[in-house]
Amino acid sequence: MFTPWAKFFSSGGQTLLARSIDLALDEDGPDLTAQAVFSPEVRLDARIRAKQAGMVVGLPIIGAVFKRLGAEFVWRPLAREGATVPAMTDVAAIVAPAAELLRAERVILNYISRLSGIANLTAKYVHALRGTGVRLLDTRKTTPGLRLPEKYAVQVGGGVNHRKNLAEMFMLKDNHIDAAGSIARAVALLRARYAPCPPIEVECRTLDHVREAVEAGVSRIMMDNMTPDLLEQALALVPRHIETEVSGGVTLENIRRLALIKPQPDFVSVGKLTHSAVAADFSMTLAP
């Protein structure tokens, strides 16, 4: 079950979301057309419609956008957040001043379309993993400024969030390891610097790297871009108390095969969930 919107964006998340909305509104600037056509007292009744079948994600953004505009508004959901609806389904109703409604229209639709598209793609990968016990992870390959909304959409689609930022979990990659001289040295530096030390993950591409990461006692080992044969050998080196993650070159066509390699990994991570999802099709129409 995904984390509800309000809880997901609690504390610092609300600030980041507000900044993202403000930037989107600033990009559009004032709606001079609507200001000329409609008098200030005119209010419009609108519906947001899903024009294709699929998941509906991001409806709470409606209220968040109008609050950033400082506009008086009333909105209500006509579909449950995260629900799968048929094509041509009205999913939200909004009543607001005409100029503010039309200024908010594209910003709201961009968010909902993007997040729904990510959830739809995530759900396909989750379906491919059904029955394996392996969990689907996202990555930090997100749209700048939309990290949290996109990771929220992954959760709604049934995926699991990897670290949301660089401080939540440490990941040692080639550059870190080369600079430190070894995996063991890099891990020691982290543990000496931070107390308590957040979980440490190491990105490994060879069996020697996996052995060294196991010896260092890290929390998770990522097998990056390994062939199935090499992956099987690498997974066999890792004791069960250390989590394992398969990454690199994962597609809908091969994810199940990778998840069923013995011993099985704990996670498979897929950057495509956020960097290649196709936006869903939503529109806003005025009620009669």
C-alpha atoms as a PDB file:
ATOM      1  CA  MET A   1       0.000   0.000   0.000  1.00  0.00           C
ATOM      2  CA  PHE A   2       1.362   3.416  -0.895  1.00  0.00           C
ATOM      3  CA  THR A   3       1.936   6.216   1.597  1.00  0.00           C
ATOM      4  CA  PRO A   4      -0.936   8.765   1.549  1.00  0.00           C
ATOM      5  CA  TRP A   5      -0.095  12.060  -0.169  1.00  0.00           C
ATOM      6  CA  ALA A   6      -0.164  14.203   3.002  1.00  0.00           C
ATOM      7  CA  LYS A   7       2.181  11.858   4.864  1.00  0.00           C
ATOM      8  CA  PHE A   8       4.503  11.379   1.885  1.00  0.00           C
ATOM      9  CA  PHE A   9       4.952  15.146   1.524  1.00  0.00           C
ATOM     10  CA  SER A  10       5.142  15.923   5.251  1.00  0.00           C
ATOM     11  CA  SER A  11       7.746  18.337   6.673  1.00  0.00           C
ATOM     12  CA  GLY A  12      10.453  19.129   4.116  1.00  0.00           C
ATOM     13  CA  GLY A  13       8.538  17.451   1.315  1.00  0.00           C
ATOM     14  CA  GLN A  14       5.840  20.117   1.461  1.00  0.00           C
ATOM     15  CA  THR A  15       8.456  22.825   0.962  1.00  0.00           C
ATOM     16  CA  LEU A  16       9.962  21.092  -2.062  1.00  0.00           C
ATOM     17  CA  LEU A  17       6.518  20.519  -3.564  1.00  0.00           C
ATOM     18  CA  ALA A  18       5.542  24.166  -3.077  1.00  0.00           C
ATOM     19  CA  ARG A  19       8.753  25.296  -4.791  1.00  0.00           C
ATOM     20  CA  SER A  20       8.035  22.968  -7.691  1.00  0.00           C
ATOM     21  CA  ILE A  21       4.493  24.331  -8.089  1.00  0.00           C
ATOM     22  CA  ASP A  22       5.691  27.931  -7.848  1.00  0.00           C
ATOM     23  CA  LEU A  23       8.245  27.333 -10.590  1.00  0.00           C
ATOM     24  CA  ALA A  24       5.585  25.759 -12.830  1.00  0.00           C
ATOM     25  CA  LEU A  25       3.282  28.745 -12.291  1.00  0.00           C
ATOM     26  CA  ASP A  26       6.136  31.207 -12.857  1.00  0.00           C
ATOM     27  CA  GLU A  27       6.990  29.515 -16.142  1.00  0.00           C
ATOM     28  CA  ASP A  28       3.481  30.305 -17.411  1.00  0.00           C
ATOM     29  CA  GLY A  29       3.279  33.790 -15.932  1.00  0.00           C
ATOM     30  CA  PRO A  30      -0.075  35.616 -15.700  1.00  0.00           C
ATOM     31  CA  ASP A  31      -2.930  34.439 -17.917  1.00  0.00           C
ATOM     32  CA  LEU A  32      -3.521  37.737 -19.694  1.00  0.00           C
ATOM     33  CA  THR A  33      -6.024  36.131 -22.060  1.00  0.00           C
ATOM     34  CA  ALA A  34      -8.299  34.900 -19.271  1.00  0.00           C
ATOM     35  CA  GLN A  35      -7.979  38.213 -17.432  1.00  0.00           C
ATOM     36  CA  ALA A  36      -9.261  40.052 -20.520  1.00  0.00           C
ATOM     37  CA  VAL A  37     -12.085  37.635 -21.341  1.00  0.00           C
ATOM     38  CA  PHE A  38     -13.496  36.995 -17.851  1.00  0.00           C
ATOM     39  CA  SER A  39     -14.499  39.516 -15.206  1.00  0.00           C
ATOM     40  CA  PRO A  40     -13.100  38.832 -11.700  1.00  0.00           C
ATOM     41  CA  GLU A  41     -16.430  37.670 -10.257  1.00  0.00           C
ATOM     42  CA  VAL A  42     -16.953  34.893 -12.820  1.00  0.00           C
ATOM     43  CA  ARG A  43     -16.495  31.389 -11.443  1.00  0.00           C
ATOM     44  CA  LEU A  44     -16.230  28.262 -13.556  1.00  0.00           C
ATOM     45  CA  ASP A  45     -17.202  24.664 -12.832  1.00  0.00           C
ATOM     46  CA  ALA A  46     -14.747  22.228 -14.429  1.00  0.00           C
ATOM     47  CA  ARG A  47     -14.062  18.504 -14.615  1.00  0.00           C
ATOM     48  CA  ILE A  48     -10.747  16.720 -15.032  1.00  0.00           C
ATOM     49  CA  ARG A  49     -11.192  13.728 -17.315  1.00  0.00           C
ATOM     50  CA  ALA A  50      -9.038  10.668 -17.909  1.00  0.00           C
ATOM     51  CA  LYS A  51      -9.067  10.262 -21.685  1.00  0.00           C
ATOM     52  CA  GLN A  52      -7.478   6.813 -21.541  1.00  0.00           C
ATOM     53  CA  ALA A  53      -7.846   3.832 -19.252  1.00  0.00           C
ATOM     54  CA  GLY A  54      -5.295   3.664 -16.467  1.00  0.00           C
ATOM     55  CA  MET A  55      -4.339   4.746 -12.974  1.00  0.00           C
ATOM     56  CA  VAL A  56      -5.203   8.192 -11.618  1.00  0.00           C
ATOM     57  CA  VAL A  57      -2.386   9.667  -9.539  1.00  0.00           C
ATOM     58  CA  GLY A  58      -1.750  13.148  -8.160  1.00  0.00           C
ATOM     59  CA  LEU A  59      -5.268  14.446  -7.539  1.00  0.00           C
ATOM     60  CA  PRO A  60      -4.222  16.242  -4.317  1.00  0.00           C
ATOM     61  CA  ILE A  61      -2.056  18.511  -6.479  1.00  0.00           C
ATOM     62  CA  ILE A  62      -5.278  20.333  -7.398  1.00  0.00           C
ATOM     63  CA  GLY A  63      -5.691  21.859  -3.963  1.00  0.00           C
ATOM     64  CA  ALA A  64      -1.955  22.475  -3.624  1.00  0.00           C
ATOM     65  CA  VAL A  65      -1.835  24.513  -6.862  1.00  0.00           C
ATOM     66  CA  PHE A  66      -4.823  26.697  -5.976  1.00  0.00           C
ATOM     67  CA  LYS A  67      -3.394  27.347  -2.522  1.00  0.00           C
ATOM     68  CA  ARG A  68      -0.149  28.585  -4.115  1.00  0.00           C
ATOM     69  CA  LEU A  69      -2.278  30.899  -6.293  1.00  0.00           C
ATOM     70  CA  GLY A  70      -4.102  32.201  -3.223  1.00  0.00           C
ATOM     71  CA  ALA A  71      -7.409  31.608  -4.977  1.00  0.00           C
ATOM     72  CA  GLU A  72     -10.770  30.670  -3.492  1.00  0.00           C
ATOM     73  CA  PHE A  73     -11.718  27.246  -4.773  1.00  0.00           C
ATOM     74  CA  VAL A  74     -13.655  24.085  -4.066  1.00  0.00           C
ATOM     75  CA  TRP A  75     -12.621  20.731  -5.453  1.00  0.00           C
ATOM     76  CA  ARG A  76     -13.666  17.151  -4.864  1.00  0.00           C
ATOM     77  CA  PRO A  77     -12.363  13.848  -6.177  1.00  0.00           C
ATOM     78  CA  LEU A  78     -14.643  11.798  -8.420  1.00  0.00           C
ATOM     79  CA  ALA A  79     -12.214   8.880  -8.380  1.00  0.00           C
ATOM     80  CA  ARG A  80     -10.080   7.398  -5.618  1.00  0.00           C
ATOM     81  CA  GLU A  81      -6.393   8.355  -5.669  1.00  0.00           C
ATOM     82  CA  GLY A  82      -4.515   5.467  -7.266  1.00  0.00           C
ATOM     83  CA  ALA A  83      -7.643   3.903  -8.772  1.00  0.00           C
ATOM     84  CA  THR A  84      -7.692   2.426 -12.267  1.00  0.00           C
ATOM     85  CA  VAL A  85     -10.481   3.980 -14.320  1.00  0.00           C
ATOM     86  CA  PRO A  86     -11.901   3.438 -17.825  1.00  0.00           C
ATOM     87  CA  ALA A  87     -11.279   5.938 -20.597  1.00  0.00           C
ATOM     88  CA  MET A  88     -13.402   9.115 -20.563  1.00  0.00           C
ATOM     89  CA  THR A  89     -13.938   9.021 -16.790  1.00  0.00           C
ATOM     90  CA  ASP A  90     -14.288  12.281 -14.853  1.00  0.00           C
ATOM     91  CA  VAL A  91     -11.876  12.067 -11.924  1.00  0.00           C
ATOM     92  CA  ALA A  92     -12.210  15.486 -10.221  1.00  0.00           C
ATOM     93  CA  ALA A  93     -14.581  18.467 -10.045  1.00  0.00           C
ATOM     94  CA  ILE A  94     -13.356  22.030  -9.476  1.00  0.00           C
ATOM     95  CA  VAL A  95     -15.130  25.352  -8.938  1.00  0.00           C
ATOM     96  CA  ALA A  96     -12.878  28.426  -8.936  1.00  0.00           C
ATOM     97  CA  PRO A  97     -12.562  31.972 -10.325  1.00  0.00           C
ATOM     98  CA  ALA A  98     -12.214  31.777 -14.102  1.00  0.00           C
ATOM     99  CA  ALA A  99      -8.799  33.435 -14.432  1.00  0.00           C
ATOM    100  CA  GLU A 100      -7.228  31.347 -11.659  1.00  0.00           C
ATOM    101  CA  LEU A 101      -8.812  28.124 -12.919  1.00  0.00           C
ATOM    102  CA  LEU A 102      -7.487  28.610 -16.434  1.00  0.00           C
ATOM    103  CA  ARG A 103      -4.064  29.620 -15.165  1.00  0.00           C
ATOM    104  CA  ALA A 104      -3.908  26.482 -13.008  1.00  0.00           C
ATOM    105  CA  GLU A 105      -5.273  24.159 -15.701  1.00  0.00           C
ATOM    106  CA  ARG A 106      -2.086  23.167 -17.517  1.00  0.00           C
ATOM    107  CA  VAL A 107       0.025  23.002 -14.347  1.00  0.00           C
ATOM    108  CA  ILE A 108      -2.458  20.609 -12.728  1.00  0.00           C
ATOM    109  CA  LEU A 109      -2.796  18.488 -15.853  1.00  0.00           C
ATOM    110  CA  ASN A 110       0.982  18.275 -16.314  1.00  0.00           C
ATOM    111  CA  TYR A 111       1.423  16.907 -12.801  1.00  0.00           C
ATOM    112  CA  ILE A 112      -1.446  14.420 -12.971  1.00  0.00           C
ATOM    113  CA  SER A 113      -0.519  13.236 -16.471  1.00  0.00           C
ATOM    114  CA  ARG A 114       3.129  12.735 -15.536  1.00  0.00           C
ATOM    115  CA  LEU A 115       2.475  10.981 -12.222  1.00  0.00           C
ATOM    116  CA  SER A 116      -0.246   8.750 -13.650  1.00  0.00           C
ATOM    117  CA  GLY A 117       2.070   7.719 -16.487  1.00  0.00           C
ATOM    118  CA  ILE A 118       4.799   6.729 -14.020  1.00  0.00           C
ATOM    119  CA  ALA A 119       2.336   4.724 -11.924  1.00  0.00           C
ATOM    120  CA  ASN A 120       1.000   2.943 -15.022  1.00  0.00           C
ATOM    121  CA  LEU A 121       4.506   1.896 -16.100  1.00  0.00           C
ATOM    122  CA  THR A 122       5.476   0.892 -12.555  1.00  0.00           C
ATOM    123  CA  ALA A 123       2.386  -1.307 -12.307  1.00  0.00           C
ATOM    124  CA  LYS A 124       3.470  -3.190 -15.448  1.00  0.00           C
ATOM    125  CA  TYR A 125       6.872  -3.979 -13.918  1.00  0.00           C
ATOM    126  CA  VAL A 126       5.264  -4.977 -10.615  1.00  0.00           C
ATOM    127  CA  HIS A 127       2.939  -7.306 -12.510  1.00  0.00           C
ATOM    128  CA  ALA A 128       5.941  -8.900 -14.239  1.00  0.00           C
ATOM    129  CA  LEU A 129       7.453  -9.617 -10.788  1.00  0.00           C
ATOM    130  CA  ARG A 130       4.265 -11.089  -9.341  1.00  0.00           C
ATOM    131  CA  GLY A 131       4.895 -14.233  -7.304  1.00  0.00           C
ATOM    132  CA  THR A 132       8.692 -13.903  -7.256  1.00  0.00           C
ATOM    133  CA  GLY A 133       8.960 -12.155  -3.881  1.00  0.00           C
ATOM    134  CA  VAL A 134      11.417  -9.663  -5.416  1.00  0.00           C
ATOM    135  CA  ARG A 135      10.629  -5.976  -4.924  1.00  0.00           C
ATOM    136  CA  LEU A 136      10.811  -3.265  -7.581  1.00  0.00           C
ATOM    137  CA  LEU A 137      12.954  -0.207  -6.805  1.00  0.00           C
ATOM    138  CA  ASP A 138      13.068   3.186  -8.480  1.00  0.00           C
ATOM    139  CA  THR A 139      16.231   5.308  -8.852  1.00  0.00           C
ATOM    140  CA  ARG A 140      17.299   8.955  -8.682  1.00  0.00           C
ATOM    141  CA  LYS A 141      16.880   9.250 -12.465  1.00  0.00           C
ATOM    142  CA  THR A 142      13.986  11.642 -11.960  1.00  0.00           C
ATOM    143  CA  THR A 143      12.914  14.919 -13.542  1.00  0.00           C
ATOM    144  CA  PRO A 144      14.734  17.833 -11.840  1.00  0.00           C
ATOM    145  CA  GLY A 145      12.397  19.414  -9.290  1.00  0.00           C
ATOM    146  CA  LEU A 146       9.956  16.499  -9.412  1.00  0.00           C
ATOM    147  CA  ARG A 147      11.883  13.915  -7.373  1.00  0.00           C
ATOM    148  CA  LEU A 148       9.286  13.485  -4.624  1.00  0.00           C
ATOM    149  CA  PRO A 149       6.125  13.554  -6.792  1.00  0.00           C
ATOM    150  CA  GLU A 150       7.654  10.997  -9.146  1.00  0.00           C
ATOM    151  CA  LYS A 151       8.738   8.703  -6.325  1.00  0.00           C
ATOM    152  CA  TYR A 152       5.249   9.040  -4.845  1.00  0.00           C
ATOM    153  CA  ALA A 153       3.841   7.853  -8.185  1.00  0.00           C
ATOM    154  CA  VAL A 154       6.162   4.839  -8.113  1.00  0.00           C
ATOM    155  CA  GLN A 155       4.747   3.903  -4.713  1.00  0.00           C
ATOM    156  CA  VAL A 156       1.183   4.229  -5.973  1.00  0.00           C
ATOM    157  CA  GLY A 157       2.081   1.930  -8.865  1.00  0.00           C
ATOM    158  CA  GLY A 158       3.275  -0.705  -6.405  1.00  0.00           C
ATOM    159  CA  GLY A 159       7.021  -0.033  -6.448  1.00  0.00           C
ATOM    160  CA  VAL A 160       9.402   0.708  -3.591  1.00  0.00           C
ATOM    161  CA  ASN A 161      11.382   3.915  -3.241  1.00  0.00           C
ATOM    162  CA  HIS A 162      15.156   3.758  -3.199  1.00  0.00           C
ATOM    163  CA  ARG A 163      16.807   6.666  -1.377  1.00  0.00           C
ATOM    164  CA  LYS A 164      15.014   9.973  -1.924  1.00  0.00           C
ATOM    165  CA  ASN A 165      18.207  11.980  -1.482  1.00  0.00           C
ATOM    166  CA  LEU A 166      21.938  11.536  -1.010  1.00  0.00           C
ATOM    167  CA  ALA A 167      21.759  11.645   2.796  1.00  0.00           C
ATOM    168  CA  GLU A 168      19.085   8.984   3.278  1.00  0.00           C
ATOM    169  CA  MET A 169      21.366   6.130   2.247  1.00  0.00           C
ATOM    170  CA  PHE A 170      25.030   6.120   1.270  1.00  0.00           C
ATOM    171  CA  MET A 171      25.969   4.558  -2.056  1.00  0.00           C
ATOM    172  CA  LEU A 172      29.585   3.928  -2.940  1.00  0.00           C
ATOM    173  CA  LYS A 173      30.234   4.047  -6.679  1.00  0.00           C
ATOM    174  CA  ASP A 174      33.390   3.742  -8.769  1.00  0.00           C
ATOM    175  CA  ASN A 175      34.479   7.349  -8.218  1.00  0.00           C
ATOM    176  CA  HIS A 176      34.161   7.090  -4.432  1.00  0.00           C
ATOM    177  CA  ILE A 177      35.964   3.758  -4.310  1.00  0.00           C
ATOM    178  CA  ASP A 178      38.765   4.912  -6.638  1.00  0.00           C
ATOM    179  CA  ALA A 179      39.280   8.057  -4.549  1.00  0.00           C
ATOM    180  CA  ALA A 180      39.379   6.081  -1.288  1.00  0.00           C
ATOM    181  CA  GLY A 181      41.579   3.342  -2.716  1.00  0.00           C
ATOM    182  CA  SER A 182      39.287   0.411  -1.930  1.00  0.00           C
ATOM    183  CA  ILE A 183      35.768  -0.515  -0.866  1.00  0.00           C
ATOM    184  CA  ALA A 184      36.990  -1.315   2.647  1.00  0.00           C
ATOM    185  CA  ARG A 185      38.675   2.082   2.963  1.00  0.00           C
ATOM    186  CA  ALA A 186      35.620   3.950   1.640  1.00  0.00           C
ATOM    187  CA  VAL A 187      33.316   2.160   4.086  1.00  0.00           C
ATOM    188  CA  ALA A 188      35.705   2.898   6.958  1.00  0.00           C
ATOM    189  CA  LEU A 189      35.769   6.601   6.050  1.00  0.00           C
ATOM    190  CA  LEU A 190      31.974   6.796   6.107  1.00  0.00           C
ATOM    191  CA  ARG A 191      31.682   5.049   9.455  1.00  0.00           C
ATOM    192  CA  ALA A 192      34.395   7.218  10.969  1.00  0.00           C
ATOM    193  CA  ARG A 193      32.735  10.421   9.756  1.00  0.00           C
ATOM    194  CA  TYR A 194      29.092   9.737  10.644  1.00  0.00           C
ATOM    195  CA  ALA A 195      27.669   8.369  13.881  1.00  0.00           C
ATOM    196  CA  PRO A 196      25.197   6.848  13.606  1.00  0.00           C
ATOM    197  CA  CYS A 197      26.108   5.950  10.050  1.00  0.00           C
ATOM    198  CA  PRO A 198      23.210   5.611   7.567  1.00  0.00           C
ATOM    199  CA  PRO A 199      22.932   2.338   5.628  1.00  0.00           C
ATOM    200  CA  ILE A 200      25.710   1.824   3.081  1.00  0.00           C
ATOM    201  CA  GLU A 201      25.185   0.334  -0.373  1.00  0.00           C
ATOM    202  CA  VAL A 202      28.054  -0.564  -2.699  1.00  0.00           C
ATOM    203  CA  GLU A 203      27.802  -0.705  -6.475  1.00  0.00           C
ATOM    204  CA  CYS A 204      29.711  -3.788  -7.690  1.00  0.00           C
ATOM    205  CA  ARG A 205      30.597  -4.927 -11.197  1.00  0.00           C
ATOM    206  CA  THR A 206      32.998  -7.778 -10.424  1.00  0.00           C
ATOM    207  CA  LEU A 207      33.032 -10.777  -8.104  1.00  0.00           C
ATOM    208  CA  ASP A 208      36.063  -9.350  -6.295  1.00  0.00           C
ATOM    209  CA  HIS A 209      34.104  -6.179  -5.539  1.00  0.00           C
ATOM    210  CA  VAL A 210      31.233  -8.264  -4.177  1.00  0.00           C
ATOM    211  CA  ARG A 211      33.589 -10.227  -1.928  1.00  0.00           C
ATOM    212  CA  GLU A 212      35.128  -7.003  -0.609  1.00  0.00           C
ATOM    213  CA  ALA A 213      31.728  -5.440   0.052  1.00  0.00           C
ATOM    214  CA  VAL A 214      30.614  -8.555   1.948  1.00  0.00           C
ATOM    215  CA  GLU A 215      33.785  -8.449   4.035  1.00  0.00           C
ATOM    216  CA  ALA A 216      33.114  -4.777   4.849  1.00  0.00           C
ATOM    217  CA  GLY A 217      29.668  -5.689   6.171  1.00  0.00           C
ATOM    218  CA  VAL A 218      27.644  -3.192   4.174  1.00  0.00           C
ATOM    219  CA  SER A 219      23.848  -3.059   4.225  1.00  0.00           C
ATOM    220  CA  ARG A 220      23.198  -3.698   0.530  1.00  0.00           C
ATOM    221  CA  ILE A 221      25.151  -4.743  -2.531  1.00  0.00           C
ATOM    222  CA  MET A 222      24.104  -3.660  -6.017  1.00  0.00           C
ATOM    223  CA  MET A 223      25.065  -5.920  -8.902  1.00  0.00           C
ATOM    224  CA  ASP A 224      25.383  -3.447 -11.744  1.00  0.00           C
ATOM    225  CA  ASN A 225      25.126  -4.482 -15.411  1.00  0.00           C
ATOM    226  CA  MET A 226      26.148  -8.084 -14.760  1.00  0.00           C
ATOM    227  CA  THR A 227      25.372 -10.892 -17.178  1.00  0.00           C
ATOM    228  CA  PRO A 228      22.945 -13.537 -15.867  1.00  0.00           C
ATOM    229  CA  ASP A 229      25.799 -16.026 -15.381  1.00  0.00           C
ATOM    230  CA  LEU A 230      27.941 -13.520 -13.482  1.00  0.00           C
ATOM    231  CA  LEU A 231      24.898 -12.368 -11.511  1.00  0.00           C
ATOM    232  CA  GLU A 232      24.222 -15.918 -10.328  1.00  0.00           C
ATOM    233  CA  GLN A 233      27.791 -16.230  -9.061  1.00  0.00           C
ATOM    234  CA  ALA A 234      27.679 -12.810  -7.386  1.00  0.00           C
ATOM    235  CA  LEU A 235      24.400 -13.450  -5.571  1.00  0.00           C
ATOM    236  CA  ALA A 236      25.763 -16.723  -4.230  1.00  0.00           C
ATOM    237  CA  LEU A 237      28.588 -14.832  -2.483  1.00  0.00           C
ATOM    238  CA  VAL A 238      26.257 -12.634  -0.407  1.00  0.00           C
ATOM    239  CA  PRO A 239      24.956 -13.825   2.993  1.00  0.00           C
ATOM    240  CA  ARG A 240      21.226 -13.352   3.552  1.00  0.00           C
ATOM    241  CA  HIS A 241      21.646 -10.595   6.145  1.00  0.00           C
ATOM    242  CA  ILE A 242      23.004  -8.325   3.387  1.00  0.00           C
ATOM    243  CA  GLU A 243      20.404  -7.099   0.900  1.00  0.00           C
ATOM    244  CA  THR A 244      21.029  -7.538  -2.816  1.00  0.00           C
ATOM    245  CA  GLU A 245      19.930  -5.382  -5.727  1.00  0.00           C
ATOM    246  CA  VAL A 246      20.094  -6.076  -9.454  1.00  0.00           C
ATOM    247  CA  SER A 247      20.442  -3.027 -11.694  1.00  0.00           C
ATOM    248  CA  GLY A 248      21.290  -2.090 -15.257  1.00  0.00           C
ATOM    249  CA  GLY A 249      19.660  -3.100 -18.531  1.00  0.00           C
ATOM    250  CA  VAL A 250      16.414  -4.215 -16.871  1.00  0.00           C
ATOM    251  CA  THR A 251      13.369  -4.320 -19.164  1.00  0.00           C
ATOM    252  CA  LEU A 252       9.818  -5.631 -18.998  1.00  0.00           C
ATOM    253  CA  GLU A 253      10.980  -8.547 -21.105  1.00  0.00           C
ATOM    254  CA  ASN A 254      13.848  -9.703 -18.848  1.00  0.00           C
ATOM    255  CA  ILE A 255      12.933  -8.526 -15.334  1.00  0.00           C
ATOM    256  CA  ARG A 256      11.207 -11.747 -14.328  1.00  0.00           C
ATOM    257  CA  ARG A 257      14.096 -13.882 -15.548  1.00  0.00           C
ATOM    258  CA  LEU A 258      16.538 -11.747 -13.543  1.00  0.00           C
ATOM    259  CA  ALA A 259      14.346 -11.951 -10.444  1.00  0.00           C
ATOM    260  CA  LEU A 260      14.203 -15.743 -10.601  1.00  0.00           C
ATOM    261  CA  ILE A 261      17.979 -16.264 -10.682  1.00  0.00           C
ATOM    262  CA  LYS A 262      19.027 -18.411  -7.721  1.00  0.00           C
ATOM    263  CA  PRO A 263      19.717 -17.265  -5.111  1.00  0.00           C
ATOM    264  CA  GLN A 264      17.137 -14.556  -5.732  1.00  0.00           C
ATOM    265  CA  PRO A 265      17.936 -10.854  -5.237  1.00  0.00           C
ATOM    266  CA  ASP A 266      15.928  -8.766  -2.795  1.00  0.00           C
ATOM    267  CA  PHE A 267      15.394  -5.920  -5.246  1.00  0.00           C
ATOM    268  CA  VAL A 268      15.513  -5.079  -8.927  1.00  0.00           C
ATOM    269  CA  SER A 269      15.934  -1.359  -9.697  1.00  0.00           C
ATOM    270  CA  VAL A 270      14.648   0.245 -12.898  1.00  0.00           C
ATOM    271  CA  GLY A 271      15.492   3.796 -13.968  1.00  0.00           C
ATOM    272  CA  LYS A 272      12.904   3.640 -16.775  1.00  0.00           C
ATOM    273  CA  LEU A 273      10.096   3.986 -14.224  1.00  0.00           C
ATOM    274  CA  THR A 274      10.779   7.710 -14.009  1.00  0.00           C
ATOM    275  CA  HIS A 275      13.007   8.645 -16.922  1.00  0.00           C
ATOM    276  CA  SER A 276      11.047   6.910 -19.685  1.00  0.00           C
ATOM    277  CA  ALA A 277       7.400   6.769 -18.567  1.00  0.00           C
ATOM    278  CA  VAL A 278       4.879   8.105 -21.102  1.00  0.00           C
ATOM    279  CA  ALA A 279       2.499  10.694 -19.647  1.00  0.00           C
ATOM    280  CA  ALA A 280      -1.131   9.636 -19.364  1.00  0.00           C
ATOM    281  CA  ASP A 281      -3.783  11.637 -21.226  1.00  0.00           C
ATOM    282  CA  PHE A 282      -5.974  13.922 -19.101  1.00  0.00           C
ATOM    283  CA  SER A 283      -7.997  17.014 -19.994  1.00  0.00           C
ATOM    284  CA  MET A 284     -10.017  19.707 -18.261  1.00  0.00           C
ATOM    285  CA  THR A 285     -13.469  20.570 -19.552  1.00  0.00           C
ATOM    286  CA  LEU A 286     -16.097  23.019 -18.336  1.00  0.00           C
ATOM    287  CA  ALA A 287     -19.275  21.539 -16.885  1.00  0.00           C
ATOM    288  CA  PRO A 288     -22.520  22.547 -18.602  1.00  0.00           C
END
